Amino acid sequence: MEIYQSPTQSQRNDRSLVSKANPVIEAAYRLTLSEQRILLACLSKLDPAAQMPRWIRLYAWEYAEIYGLSMDRAYHALRDGAAQ
């Protein structure tokens, strides 16, 4: 069974929509908000038709843009989420 989150208006206008299946949703209960956001931002960068890349690079400016944060808050969230 798959559960899809309803996209926000900004998500409808771009190609970064991520659908989460139940196992991902259940695993997310054990993650902090920053960890969840990092995971979803990285997943949104993947092309489902392409081969899985070895590395996914997420820049602070991308994180800030996706979640509507200042650069300072984005750096702190990335630092805190990556440290977990």
N, C-alpha and C. Protein backbone atom coordinates (compact mmCIF):
# COMPACT_ATOMS: atom_id res chain seq x y z
N MET A 1 0.84 -1.18 0.00
CA MET A 1 0.00 0.00 0.00
C MET A 1 0.88 1.23 0.00
N GLU A 2 0.57 2.18 -0.84
CA GLU A 2 1.33 3.42 -0.91
C GLU A 2 0.45 4.58 -0.49
N ILE A 3 1.03 5.52 0.22
CA ILE A 3 0.33 6.72 0.64
C ILE A 3 1.01 7.91 -0.01
N TYR A 4 0.25 8.76 -0.61
CA TYR A 4 0.80 9.94 -1.25
C TYR A 4 0.37 11.18 -0.50
N GLN A 5 1.33 12.06 -0.27
CA GLN A 5 1.00 13.32 0.38
C GLN A 5 0.47 14.28 -0.66
N SER A 6 -0.48 15.08 -0.28
CA SER A 6 -1.01 16.09 -1.18
C SER A 6 0.03 17.18 -1.38
N PRO A 7 0.39 17.49 -2.62
CA PRO A 7 1.41 18.50 -2.85
C PRO A 7 0.90 19.90 -2.56
N THR A 8 1.81 20.76 -2.10
CA THR A 8 1.47 22.16 -1.91
C THR A 8 1.47 22.84 -3.27
N GLN A 9 1.02 24.07 -3.34
CA GLN A 9 0.97 24.79 -4.61
C GLN A 9 2.35 24.90 -5.23
N SER A 10 3.38 25.20 -4.44
CA SER A 10 4.73 25.33 -5.00
C SER A 10 5.24 23.99 -5.50
N GLN A 11 4.88 22.90 -4.86
CA GLN A 11 5.32 21.58 -5.32
C GLN A 11 4.64 21.20 -6.62
N ARG A 12 3.42 21.63 -6.83
CA ARG A 12 2.72 21.31 -8.06
C ARG A 12 3.38 21.97 -9.25
N ASN A 13 4.06 23.08 -9.03
CA ASN A 13 4.64 23.84 -10.12
C ASN A 13 6.06 23.43 -10.45
N ASP A 14 6.66 22.52 -9.71
CA ASP A 14 8.00 22.08 -10.05
C ASP A 14 8.06 20.56 -10.07
N ARG A 15 9.24 20.02 -10.35
CA ARG A 15 9.37 18.58 -10.51
C ARG A 15 10.01 17.92 -9.30
N SER A 16 9.95 18.54 -8.14
CA SER A 16 10.62 17.99 -6.96
C SER A 16 9.65 17.29 -6.00
N LEU A 17 8.53 16.85 -6.48
CA LEU A 17 7.55 16.16 -5.65
C LEU A 17 8.08 14.77 -5.29
N VAL A 18 7.99 14.42 -4.02
CA VAL A 18 8.42 13.10 -3.56
C VAL A 18 7.21 12.40 -2.96
N SER A 19 6.93 11.19 -3.45
CA SER A 19 5.87 10.36 -2.89
C SER A 19 6.51 9.39 -1.92
N LYS A 20 5.86 9.18 -0.77
CA LYS A 20 6.43 8.30 0.25
C LYS A 20 5.56 7.06 0.40
N ALA A 21 6.20 5.91 0.36
CA ALA A 21 5.51 4.64 0.61
C ALA A 21 5.50 4.40 2.12
N ASN A 22 4.66 3.49 2.58
CA ASN A 22 4.51 3.22 4.01
C ASN A 22 5.82 2.95 4.74
N PRO A 23 6.74 2.11 4.21
CA PRO A 23 7.99 1.87 4.95
C PRO A 23 8.79 3.15 5.19
N VAL A 24 8.77 4.05 4.22
CA VAL A 24 9.49 5.32 4.39
C VAL A 24 8.80 6.17 5.44
N ILE A 25 7.49 6.20 5.42
CA ILE A 25 6.74 6.98 6.40
C ILE A 25 6.98 6.42 7.81
N GLU A 26 6.96 5.10 7.94
CA GLU A 26 7.19 4.48 9.25
C GLU A 26 8.60 4.76 9.75
N ALA A 27 9.58 4.72 8.86
CA ALA A 27 10.97 5.00 9.25
C ALA A 27 11.13 6.46 9.64
N ALA A 28 10.36 7.33 9.01
CA ALA A 28 10.47 8.77 9.29
C ALA A 28 10.07 9.12 10.71
N TYR A 29 9.28 8.29 11.36
CA TYR A 29 8.90 8.56 12.75
C TYR A 29 10.12 8.59 13.68
N ARG A 30 11.19 7.93 13.27
CA ARG A 30 12.40 7.88 14.09
C ARG A 30 13.39 8.97 13.72
N LEU A 31 13.06 9.81 12.74
CA LEU A 31 13.97 10.86 12.29
C LEU A 31 13.52 12.21 12.82
N THR A 32 14.49 13.09 13.03
CA THR A 32 14.15 14.47 13.40
C THR A 32 13.62 15.19 12.16
N LEU A 33 13.05 16.37 12.36
CA LEU A 33 12.55 17.15 11.24
C LEU A 33 13.67 17.46 10.26
N SER A 34 14.83 17.86 10.76
CA SER A 34 15.96 18.16 9.87
C SER A 34 16.37 16.93 9.07
N GLU A 35 16.42 15.78 9.71
CA GLU A 35 16.79 14.54 9.01
C GLU A 35 15.77 14.19 7.93
N GLN A 36 14.49 14.33 8.24
CA GLN A 36 13.45 14.06 7.25
C GLN A 36 13.57 15.01 6.07
N ARG A 37 13.78 16.27 6.35
CA ARG A 37 13.89 17.27 5.28
C ARG A 37 15.10 17.01 4.39
N ILE A 38 16.23 16.63 4.99
CA ILE A 38 17.42 16.33 4.20
C ILE A 38 17.15 15.13 3.30
N LEU A 39 16.57 14.09 3.87
CA LEU A 39 16.26 12.89 3.10
C LEU A 39 15.34 13.22 1.93
N LEU A 40 14.27 13.94 2.19
CA LEU A 40 13.31 14.26 1.13
C LEU A 40 13.91 15.19 0.08
N ALA A 41 14.72 16.15 0.51
CA ALA A 41 15.36 17.05 -0.46
C ALA A 41 16.30 16.26 -1.37
N CYS A 42 17.04 15.32 -0.81
CA CYS A 42 17.93 14.49 -1.61
C CYS A 42 17.14 13.59 -2.56
N LEU A 43 16.07 13.00 -2.07
CA LEU A 43 15.25 12.14 -2.92
C LEU A 43 14.62 12.92 -4.06
N SER A 44 14.28 14.18 -3.81
CA SER A 44 13.65 14.99 -4.86
C SER A 44 14.61 15.29 -6.00
N LYS A 45 15.90 15.12 -5.76
CA LYS A 45 16.90 15.39 -6.80
C LYS A 45 17.12 14.19 -7.72
N LEU A 46 16.55 13.03 -7.37
CA LEU A 46 16.76 11.83 -8.17
C LEU A 46 15.82 11.78 -9.37
N ASP A 47 16.33 11.24 -10.45
CA ASP A 47 15.53 10.99 -11.64
C ASP A 47 15.11 9.52 -11.59
N PRO A 48 13.81 9.24 -11.45
CA PRO A 48 13.38 7.85 -11.31
C PRO A 48 13.71 6.99 -12.52
N ALA A 49 13.94 7.61 -13.67
CA ALA A 49 14.25 6.85 -14.88
C ALA A 49 15.75 6.58 -15.02
N ALA A 50 16.56 7.23 -14.23
CA ALA A 50 18.01 7.09 -14.33
C ALA A 50 18.54 6.11 -13.29
N GLN A 51 19.78 5.69 -13.49
CA GLN A 51 20.44 4.81 -12.53
C GLN A 51 20.69 5.58 -11.23
N MET A 52 20.63 4.88 -10.12
CA MET A 52 20.85 5.49 -8.80
C MET A 52 22.29 6.01 -8.73
N PRO A 53 22.46 7.30 -8.41
CA PRO A 53 23.82 7.83 -8.30
C PRO A 53 24.48 7.33 -7.02
N ARG A 54 25.80 7.33 -7.04
CA ARG A 54 26.55 6.90 -5.86
C ARG A 54 26.46 7.95 -4.75
N TRP A 55 26.46 9.21 -5.13
CA TRP A 55 26.39 10.33 -4.17
C TRP A 55 25.30 11.29 -4.60
N ILE A 56 24.69 11.92 -3.61
CA ILE A 56 23.72 12.99 -3.86
C ILE A 56 24.22 14.20 -3.09
N ARG A 57 24.43 15.28 -3.78
CA ARG A 57 24.94 16.49 -3.14
C ARG A 57 23.78 17.46 -2.93
N LEU A 58 23.62 17.92 -1.71
CA LEU A 58 22.58 18.89 -1.36
C LEU A 58 23.26 20.14 -0.83
N TYR A 59 23.06 21.23 -1.51
CA TYR A 59 23.66 22.50 -1.12
C TYR A 59 22.73 23.23 -0.15
N ALA A 60 23.32 24.06 0.69
CA ALA A 60 22.54 24.82 1.67
C ALA A 60 21.54 25.74 0.96
N TRP A 61 21.95 26.32 -0.16
CA TRP A 61 21.03 27.22 -0.87
C TRP A 61 19.82 26.45 -1.40
N GLU A 62 20.00 25.18 -1.81
CA GLU A 62 18.88 24.37 -2.27
C GLU A 62 17.93 24.07 -1.11
N TYR A 63 18.51 23.69 0.02
CA TYR A 63 17.73 23.40 1.22
C TYR A 63 16.94 24.64 1.64
N ALA A 64 17.60 25.79 1.64
CA ALA A 64 16.95 27.05 2.02
C ALA A 64 15.80 27.37 1.07
N GLU A 65 16.02 27.16 -0.22
CA GLU A 65 14.99 27.47 -1.21
C GLU A 65 13.79 26.52 -1.09
N ILE A 66 14.06 25.23 -0.91
CA ILE A 66 12.99 24.24 -0.82
C ILE A 66 12.10 24.50 0.39
N TYR A 67 12.72 24.80 1.53
CA TYR A 67 11.96 24.92 2.78
C TYR A 67 11.72 26.37 3.22
N GLY A 68 12.07 27.33 2.39
CA GLY A 68 11.79 28.72 2.70
C GLY A 68 12.54 29.23 3.92
N LEU A 69 13.80 28.86 4.04
CA LEU A 69 14.62 29.26 5.18
C LEU A 69 15.69 30.25 4.76
N SER A 70 16.20 30.98 5.74
CA SER A 70 17.37 31.82 5.49
C SER A 70 18.58 30.90 5.32
N MET A 71 19.63 31.42 4.73
CA MET A 71 20.84 30.61 4.56
C MET A 71 21.41 30.19 5.91
N ASP A 72 21.36 31.08 6.89
CA ASP A 72 21.88 30.76 8.22
C ASP A 72 21.13 29.57 8.83
N ARG A 73 19.81 29.63 8.74
CA ARG A 73 19.00 28.53 9.31
C ARG A 73 19.19 27.24 8.51
N ALA A 74 19.38 27.38 7.20
CA ALA A 74 19.62 26.19 6.37
C ALA A 74 20.93 25.51 6.76
N TYR A 75 21.99 26.29 6.95
CA TYR A 75 23.27 25.72 7.36
C TYR A 75 23.15 25.01 8.71
N HIS A 76 22.45 25.64 9.64
CA HIS A 76 22.28 25.03 10.96
C HIS A 76 21.47 23.74 10.87
N ALA A 77 20.40 23.75 10.08
CA ALA A 77 19.57 22.56 9.94
C ALA A 77 20.35 21.42 9.29
N LEU A 78 21.14 21.74 8.27
CA LEU A 78 21.94 20.71 7.60
C LEU A 78 23.00 20.16 8.53
N ARG A 79 23.63 21.03 9.28
CA ARG A 79 24.65 20.59 10.24
C ARG A 79 24.02 19.69 11.30
N ASP A 80 22.91 20.12 11.87
CA ASP A 80 22.25 19.34 12.92
C ASP A 80 21.71 18.02 12.39
N GLY A 81 21.09 18.06 11.21
CA GLY A 81 20.53 16.84 10.62
C GLY A 81 21.58 15.84 10.21
N ALA A 82 22.69 16.32 9.69
CA ALA A 82 23.76 15.43 9.27
C ALA A 82 24.51 14.85 10.47
N ALA A 83 24.49 15.54 11.59
CA ALA A 83 25.20 15.07 12.79
C ALA A 83 24.45 13.95 13.49
N GLN A 84 23.17 13.82 13.24
CA GLN A 84 22.36 12.80 13.92
C GLN A 84 22.77 11.45 13.51
